[in-house]
Amino acid sequence: KKGEVFGFLGPNGAGKSTTIRHIMGFSKPQ
């Protein structure tokens, strides 16, 4: 939401970077 800090917590390999690449529009979701 606008104005909030949202934490995405998990160890390396859990899927955080994959999700972010899709948010940035670098990858197209299946």
PDB file of all heavy atoms in Angstrom:
ATOM      1  N   LYS A   1       0.825  -1.199   0.000  1.00  0.00           N
ATOM      2  CA  LYS A   1       0.000   0.000   0.000  1.00  0.00           C
ATOM      3  C   LYS A   1       0.869   1.262   0.000  1.00  0.00           C
ATOM      4  O   LYS A   1       2.016   1.245   0.443  1.00  0.00           O
ATOM      5  CB  LYS A   1      -0.933  -0.001   1.212  1.00  0.00           C
ATOM      6  CG  LYS A   1      -1.903  -1.178   1.220  1.00  0.00           C
ATOM      7  CD  LYS A   1      -2.808  -1.140   2.426  1.00  0.00           C
ATOM      8  CE  LYS A   1      -3.764  -2.331   2.442  1.00  0.00           C
ATOM      9  NZ  LYS A   1      -4.658  -2.333   1.283  1.00  0.00           N
ATOM     10  N   LYS A   2       0.302   2.327  -0.476  1.00  0.00           N
ATOM     11  CA  LYS A   2       1.003   3.604  -0.564  1.00  0.00           C
ATOM     12  C   LYS A   2       1.507   4.046   0.815  1.00  0.00           C
ATOM     13  O   LYS A   2       0.764   4.040   1.790  1.00  0.00           O
ATOM     14  CB  LYS A   2       0.080   4.687  -1.132  1.00  0.00           C
ATOM     15  CG  LYS A   2       0.752   6.036  -1.363  1.00  0.00           C
ATOM     16  CD  LYS A   2      -0.207   7.013  -2.001  1.00  0.00           C
ATOM     17  CE  LYS A   2       0.417   8.388  -2.172  1.00  0.00           C
ATOM     18  NZ  LYS A   2       1.591   8.375  -3.056  1.00  0.00           N
ATOM     19  N   GLY A   3       2.789   4.374   0.900  1.00  0.00           N
ATOM     20  CA  GLY A   3       3.363   4.912   2.119  1.00  0.00           C
ATOM     21  C   GLY A   3       3.796   3.892   3.152  1.00  0.00           C
ATOM     22  O   GLY A   3       4.253   4.268   4.235  1.00  0.00           O
ATOM     23  N   GLU A   4       3.687   2.590   2.854  1.00  0.00           N
ATOM     24  CA  GLU A   4       4.098   1.597   3.836  1.00  0.00           C
ATOM     25  C   GLU A   4       5.408   0.928   3.435  1.00  0.00           C
ATOM     26  O   GLU A   4       5.824   0.957   2.275  1.00  0.00           O
ATOM     27  CB  GLU A   4       3.014   0.535   4.031  1.00  0.00           C
ATOM     28  CG  GLU A   4       2.911  -0.500   2.938  1.00  0.00           C
ATOM     29  CD  GLU A   4       1.980  -1.656   3.304  1.00  0.00           C
ATOM     30  OE1 GLU A   4       1.667  -1.840   4.498  1.00  0.00           O
ATOM     31  OE2 GLU A   4       1.565  -2.388   2.386  1.00  0.00           O
ATOM     32  N   VAL A   5       6.051   0.315   4.433  1.00  0.00           N
ATOM     33  CA  VAL A   5       7.226  -0.521   4.184  1.00  0.00           C
ATOM     34  C   VAL A   5       6.769  -1.967   4.355  1.00  0.00           C
ATOM     35  O   VAL A   5       6.335  -2.376   5.432  1.00  0.00           O
ATOM     36  CB  VAL A   5       8.374  -0.206   5.157  1.00  0.00           C
ATOM     37  CG1 VAL A   5       9.596  -1.060   4.819  1.00  0.00           C
ATOM     38  CG2 VAL A   5       8.743   1.266   5.110  1.00  0.00           C
ATOM     39  N   PHE A   6       6.862  -2.721   3.272  1.00  0.00           N
ATOM     40  CA  PHE A   6       6.403  -4.110   3.262  1.00  0.00           C
ATOM     41  C   PHE A   6       7.621  -5.015   3.204  1.00  0.00           C
ATOM     42  O   PHE A   6       8.443  -4.928   2.282  1.00  0.00           O
ATOM     43  CB  PHE A   6       5.506  -4.353   2.046  1.00  0.00           C
ATOM     44  CG  PHE A   6       4.867  -5.715   2.010  1.00  0.00           C
ATOM     45  CD1 PHE A   6       3.637  -5.940   2.624  1.00  0.00           C
ATOM     46  CD2 PHE A   6       5.491  -6.780   1.377  1.00  0.00           C
ATOM     47  CE1 PHE A   6       3.047  -7.201   2.591  1.00  0.00           C
ATOM     48  CE2 PHE A   6       4.903  -8.039   1.335  1.00  0.00           C
ATOM     49  CZ  PHE A   6       3.681  -8.249   1.948  1.00  0.00           C
ATOM     50  N   GLY A   7       7.757  -5.898   4.178  1.00  0.00           N
ATOM     51  CA  GLY A   7       8.890  -6.807   4.241  1.00  0.00           C
ATOM     52  C   GLY A   7       8.595  -8.133   3.575  1.00  0.00           C
ATOM     53  O   GLY A   7       7.508  -8.705   3.751  1.00  0.00           O
ATOM     54  N   PHE A   8       9.561  -8.616   2.817  1.00  0.00           N
ATOM     55  CA  PHE A   8       9.452  -9.901   2.123  1.00  0.00           C
ATOM     56  C   PHE A   8      10.579 -10.758   2.677  1.00  0.00           C
ATOM     57  O   PHE A   8      11.749 -10.598   2.308  1.00  0.00           O
ATOM     58  CB  PHE A   8       9.597  -9.660   0.625  1.00  0.00           C
ATOM     59  CG  PHE A   8       9.026 -10.732  -0.250  1.00  0.00           C
ATOM     60  CD1 PHE A   8       7.939 -11.488   0.141  1.00  0.00           C
ATOM     61  CD2 PHE A   8       9.573 -10.965  -1.499  1.00  0.00           C
ATOM     62  CE1 PHE A   8       7.406 -12.468  -0.690  1.00  0.00           C
ATOM     63  CE2 PHE A   8       9.055 -11.934  -2.342  1.00  0.00           C
ATOM     64  CZ  PHE A   8       7.964 -12.687  -1.936  1.00  0.00           C
ATOM     65  N   LEU A   9      10.248 -11.665   3.594  1.00  0.00           N
ATOM     66  CA  LEU A   9      11.250 -12.338   4.422  1.00  0.00           C
ATOM     67  C   LEU A   9      11.374 -13.812   4.064  1.00  0.00           C
ATOM     68  O   LEU A   9      10.389 -14.535   3.979  1.00  0.00           O
ATOM     69  CB  LEU A   9      10.861 -12.201   5.895  1.00  0.00           C
ATOM     70  CG  LEU A   9      11.791 -12.821   6.947  1.00  0.00           C
ATOM     71  CD1 LEU A   9      13.161 -12.166   6.926  1.00  0.00           C
ATOM     72  CD2 LEU A   9      11.173 -12.690   8.335  1.00  0.00           C
ATOM     73  N   GLY A  10      12.616 -14.247   3.871  1.00  0.00           N
ATOM     74  CA  GLY A  10      12.883 -15.649   3.600  1.00  0.00           C
ATOM     75  C   GLY A  10      14.361 -15.836   3.302  1.00  0.00           C
ATOM     76  O   GLY A  10      15.062 -14.880   2.978  1.00  0.00           O
ATOM     77  N   PRO A  11      14.861 -17.080   3.393  1.00  0.00           N
ATOM     78  CA  PRO A  11      16.271 -17.335   3.107  1.00  0.00           C
ATOM     79  C   PRO A  11      16.552 -17.237   1.613  1.00  0.00           C
ATOM     80  O   PRO A  11      15.635 -17.168   0.783  1.00  0.00           O
ATOM     81  CB  PRO A  11      16.484 -18.765   3.615  1.00  0.00           C
ATOM     82  CG  PRO A  11      15.142 -19.399   3.474  1.00  0.00           C
ATOM     83  CD  PRO A  11      14.145 -18.322   3.755  1.00  0.00           C
ATOM     84  N   ASN A  12      17.820 -17.242   1.263  1.00  0.00           N
ATOM     85  CA  ASN A  12      18.206 -17.246  -0.144  1.00  0.00           C
ATOM     86  C   ASN A  12      17.623 -18.483  -0.826  1.00  0.00           C
ATOM     87  O   ASN A  12      17.662 -19.582  -0.289  1.00  0.00           O
ATOM     88  CB  ASN A  12      19.731 -17.253  -0.281  1.00  0.00           C
ATOM     89  CG  ASN A  12      20.352 -15.965   0.239  1.00  0.00           C
ATOM     90  OD1 ASN A  12      19.726 -14.915   0.194  1.00  0.00           O
ATOM     91  ND2 ASN A  12      21.572 -16.048   0.739  1.00  0.00           N
ATOM     92  N   GLY A  13      17.057 -18.291  -2.025  1.00  0.00           N
ATOM     93  CA  GLY A  13      16.481 -19.396  -2.769  1.00  0.00           C
ATOM     94  C   GLY A  13      15.007 -19.642  -2.500  1.00  0.00           C
ATOM     95  O   GLY A  13      14.410 -20.548  -3.085  1.00  0.00           O
ATOM     96  N   ALA A  14      14.394 -18.829  -1.628  1.00  0.00           N
ATOM     97  CA  ALA A  14      12.986 -19.058  -1.283  1.00  0.00           C
ATOM     98  C   ALA A  14      12.030 -18.523  -2.341  1.00  0.00           C
ATOM     99  O   ALA A  14      10.859 -18.904  -2.373  1.00  0.00           O
ATOM    100  CB  ALA A  14      12.654 -18.419   0.066  1.00  0.00           C
ATOM    101  N   GLY A  15      12.510 -17.615  -3.205  1.00  0.00           N
ATOM    102  CA  GLY A  15      11.650 -17.064  -4.255  1.00  0.00           C
ATOM    103  C   GLY A  15      11.496 -15.564  -4.220  1.00  0.00           C
ATOM    104  O   GLY A  15      10.721 -14.995  -4.996  1.00  0.00           O
ATOM    105  N   LYS A  16      12.249 -14.889  -3.351  1.00  0.00           N
ATOM    106  CA  LYS A  16      12.115 -13.437  -3.214  1.00  0.00           C
ATOM    107  C   LYS A  16      12.547 -12.708  -4.493  1.00  0.00           C
ATOM    108  O   LYS A  16      11.821 -11.862  -5.028  1.00  0.00           O
ATOM    109  CB  LYS A  16      12.947 -12.928  -2.025  1.00  0.00           C
ATOM    110  CG  LYS A  16      12.601 -13.568  -0.690  1.00  0.00           C
ATOM    111  CD  LYS A  16      13.280 -12.885   0.481  1.00  0.00           C
ATOM    112  CE  LYS A  16      14.782 -12.821   0.376  1.00  0.00           C
ATOM    113  NZ  LYS A  16      15.412 -14.164   0.357  1.00  0.00           N
ATOM    114  N   SER A  17      13.738 -13.010  -4.995  1.00  0.00           N
ATOM    115  CA  SER A  17      14.261 -12.312  -6.172  1.00  0.00           C
ATOM    116  C   SER A  17      13.434 -12.623  -7.420  1.00  0.00           C
ATOM    117  O   SER A  17      13.222 -11.737  -8.263  1.00  0.00           O
ATOM    118  CB  SER A  17      15.727 -12.692  -6.409  1.00  0.00           C
ATOM    119  OG  SER A  17      16.545 -12.218  -5.349  1.00  0.00           O
ATOM    120  N   THR A  18      12.959 -13.858  -7.536  1.00  0.00           N
ATOM    121  CA  THR A  18      12.103 -14.209  -8.674  1.00  0.00           C
ATOM    122  C   THR A  18      10.850 -13.349  -8.678  1.00  0.00           C
ATOM    123  O   THR A  18      10.435 -12.811  -9.711  1.00  0.00           O
ATOM    124  CB  THR A  18      11.719 -15.699  -8.615  1.00  0.00           C
ATOM    125  OG1 THR A  18      12.896 -16.499  -8.722  1.00  0.00           O
ATOM    126  CG2 THR A  18      10.764 -16.061  -9.744  1.00  0.00           C
ATOM    127  N   THR A  19      10.233 -13.196  -7.513  1.00  0.00           N
ATOM    128  CA  THR A  19       9.033 -12.362  -7.400  1.00  0.00           C
ATOM    129  C   THR A  19       9.344 -10.920  -7.772  1.00  0.00           C
ATOM    130  O   THR A  19       8.586 -10.279  -8.523  1.00  0.00           O
ATOM    131  CB  THR A  19       8.468 -12.429  -5.967  1.00  0.00           C
ATOM    132  OG1 THR A  19       8.189 -13.793  -5.627  1.00  0.00           O
ATOM    133  CG2 THR A  19       7.202 -11.607  -5.845  1.00  0.00           C
ATOM    134  N   ILE A  20      10.456 -10.403  -7.299  1.00  0.00           N
ATOM    135  CA  ILE A  20      10.802  -9.007  -7.563  1.00  0.00           C
ATOM    136  C   ILE A  20      11.089  -8.776  -9.041  1.00  0.00           C
ATOM    137  O   ILE A  20      10.706  -7.745  -9.607  1.00  0.00           O
ATOM    138  CB  ILE A  20      11.993  -8.579  -6.678  1.00  0.00           C
ATOM    139  CG1 ILE A  20      11.493  -8.383  -5.241  1.00  0.00           C
ATOM    140  CG2 ILE A  20      12.661  -7.313  -7.199  1.00  0.00           C
ATOM    141  CD1 ILE A  20      12.556  -8.013  -4.256  1.00  0.00           C
ATOM    142  N   ARG A  21      11.754  -9.720  -9.696  1.00  0.00           N
ATOM    143  CA  ARG A  21      12.003  -9.559 -11.133  1.00  0.00           C
ATOM    144  C   ARG A  21      10.688  -9.457 -11.915  1.00  0.00           C
ATOM    145  O   ARG A  21      10.589  -8.727 -12.904  1.00  0.00           O
ATOM    146  CB  ARG A  21      12.862 -10.719 -11.651  1.00  0.00           C
ATOM    147  CG  ARG A  21      14.326 -10.619 -11.258  1.00  0.00           C
ATOM    148  CD  ARG A  21      15.181 -11.567 -12.069  1.00  0.00           C
ATOM    149  NE  ARG A  21      14.869 -12.965 -11.820  1.00  0.00           N
ATOM    150  CZ  ARG A  21      15.435 -13.693 -10.861  1.00  0.00           C
ATOM    151  NH1 ARG A  21      16.350 -13.154 -10.078  1.00  0.00           N
ATOM    152  NH2 ARG A  21      15.107 -14.965 -10.705  1.00  0.00           N
ATOM    153  N   HIS A  22       9.690 -10.183 -11.462  1.00  0.00           N
ATOM    154  CA  HIS A  22       8.379 -10.099 -12.116  1.00  0.00           C
ATOM    155  C   HIS A  22       7.695  -8.770 -11.806  1.00  0.00           C
ATOM    156  O   HIS A  22       7.047  -8.183 -12.675  1.00  0.00           O
ATOM    157  CB  HIS A  22       7.493 -11.273 -11.691  1.00  0.00           C
ATOM    158  CG  HIS A  22       7.854 -12.564 -12.361  1.00  0.00           C
ATOM    159  ND1 HIS A  22       8.898 -13.352 -11.948  1.00  0.00           N
ATOM    160  CD2 HIS A  22       7.307 -13.194 -13.435  1.00  0.00           C
ATOM    161  CE1 HIS A  22       8.982 -14.416 -12.736  1.00  0.00           C
ATOM    162  NE2 HIS A  22       8.022 -14.354 -13.637  1.00  0.00           N
ATOM    163  N   ILE A  23       7.836  -8.293 -10.580  1.00  0.00           N
ATOM    164  CA  ILE A  23       7.263  -6.989 -10.234  1.00  0.00           C
ATOM    165  C   ILE A  23       7.885  -5.889 -11.088  1.00  0.00           C
ATOM    166  O   ILE A  23       7.189  -4.981 -11.573  1.00  0.00           O
ATOM    167  CB  ILE A  23       7.480  -6.689  -8.733  1.00  0.00           C
ATOM    168  CG1 ILE A  23       6.625  -7.630  -7.868  1.00  0.00           C
ATOM    169  CG2 ILE A  23       7.128  -5.227  -8.415  1.00  0.00           C
ATOM    170  CD1 ILE A  23       6.921  -7.541  -6.384  1.00  0.00           C
ATOM    171  N   MET A  24       9.178  -5.993 -11.318  1.00  0.00           N
ATOM    172  CA  MET A  24       9.876  -4.992 -12.124  1.00  0.00           C
ATOM    173  C   MET A  24       9.532  -5.099 -13.613  1.00  0.00           C
ATOM    174  O   MET A  24       9.881  -4.222 -14.398  1.00  0.00           O
ATOM    175  CB  MET A  24      11.391  -5.131 -11.933  1.00  0.00           C
ATOM    176  CG  MET A  24      11.888  -4.714 -10.557  1.00  0.00           C
ATOM    177  SD  MET A  24      11.574  -2.979 -10.186  1.00  0.00           S
ATOM    178  CE  MET A  24      12.489  -2.162 -11.485  1.00  0.00           C
ATOM    179  N   GLY A  25       8.871  -6.181 -14.011  1.00  0.00           N
ATOM    180  CA  GLY A  25       8.518  -6.353 -15.420  1.00  0.00           C
ATOM    181  C   GLY A  25       9.607  -6.974 -16.258  1.00  0.00           C
ATOM    182  O   GLY A  25       9.540  -6.961 -17.490  1.00  0.00           O
ATOM    183  N   PHE A  26      10.619  -7.551 -15.609  1.00  0.00           N
ATOM    184  CA  PHE A  26      11.724  -8.177 -16.344  1.00  0.00           C
ATOM    185  C   PHE A  26      11.342  -9.570 -16.851  1.00  0.00           C
ATOM    186  O   PHE A  26      11.985 -10.080 -17.775  1.00  0.00           O
ATOM    187  CB  PHE A  26      12.959  -8.290 -15.452  1.00  0.00           C
ATOM    188  CG  PHE A  26      13.482  -6.966 -14.950  1.00  0.00           C
ATOM    189  CD1 PHE A  26      14.204  -6.891 -13.773  1.00  0.00           C
ATOM    190  CD2 PHE A  26      13.259  -5.798 -15.657  1.00  0.00           C
ATOM    191  CE1 PHE A  26      14.690  -5.684 -13.302  1.00  0.00           C
ATOM    192  CE2 PHE A  26      13.739  -4.575 -15.193  1.00  0.00           C
ATOM    193  CZ  PHE A  26      14.456  -4.528 -14.011  1.00  0.00           C
ATOM    194  N   SER A  27      10.357 -10.196 -16.234  1.00  0.00           N
ATOM    195  CA  SER A  27       9.917 -11.532 -16.624  1.00  0.00           C
ATOM    196  C   SER A  27       8.399 -11.554 -16.722  1.00  0.00           C
ATOM    197  O   SER A  27       7.704 -10.838 -15.985  1.00  0.00           O
ATOM    198  CB  SER A  27      10.378 -12.583 -15.603  1.00  0.00           C
ATOM    199  OG  SER A  27      11.785 -12.613 -15.492  1.00  0.00           O
ATOM    200  N   LYS A  28       7.889 -12.391 -17.616  1.00  0.00           N
ATOM    201  CA  LYS A  28       6.444 -12.536 -17.788  1.00  0.00           C
ATOM    202  C   LYS A  28       5.957 -13.748 -16.997  1.00  0.00           C
ATOM    203  O   LYS A  28       6.506 -14.838 -17.126  1.00  0.00           O
ATOM    204  CB  LYS A  28       6.096 -12.712 -19.270  1.00  0.00           C
ATOM    205  CG  LYS A  28       4.601 -12.743 -19.547  1.00  0.00           C
ATOM    206  CD  LYS A  28       4.322 -12.826 -21.038  1.00  0.00           C
ATOM    207  CE  LYS A  28       2.817 -12.804 -21.310  1.00  0.00           C
ATOM    208  NZ  LYS A  28       2.526 -12.853 -22.767  1.00  0.00           N
ATOM    209  N   PRO A  29       4.933 -13.573 -16.169  1.00  0.00           N
ATOM    210  CA  PRO A  29       4.446 -14.708 -15.364  1.00  0.00           C
ATOM    211  C   PRO A  29       3.857 -15.820 -16.230  1.00  0.00           C
ATOM    212  O   PRO A  29       3.252 -15.555 -17.269  1.00  0.00           O
ATOM    213  CB  PRO A  29       3.359 -14.082 -14.488  1.00  0.00           C
ATOM    214  CG  PRO A  29       3.554 -12.608 -14.578  1.00  0.00           C
ATOM    215  CD  PRO A  29       4.191 -12.334 -15.893  1.00  0.00           C
ATOM    216  N   GLN A  30       4.058 -17.058 -15.800  1.00  0.00           N
ATOM    217  CA  GLN A  30       3.335 -18.164 -16.427  1.00  0.00           C
ATOM    218  C   GLN A  30       1.850 -18.068 -16.093  1.00  0.00           C
ATOM    219  O   GLN A  30       0.989 -18.409 -16.899  1.00  0.00           O
ATOM    220  CB  GLN A  30       3.884 -19.510 -15.923  1.00  0.00           C
ATOM    221  CG  GLN A  30       5.256 -19.856 -16.464  1.00  0.00           C
ATOM    222  CD  GLN A  30       5.765 -21.165 -15.883  1.00  0.00           C
ATOM    223  OE1 GLN A  30       5.238 -21.667 -14.890  1.00  0.00           O
ATOM    224  NE2 GLN A  30       6.802 -21.711 -16.485  1.00  0.00           N
TER     225      GLN A  30
END
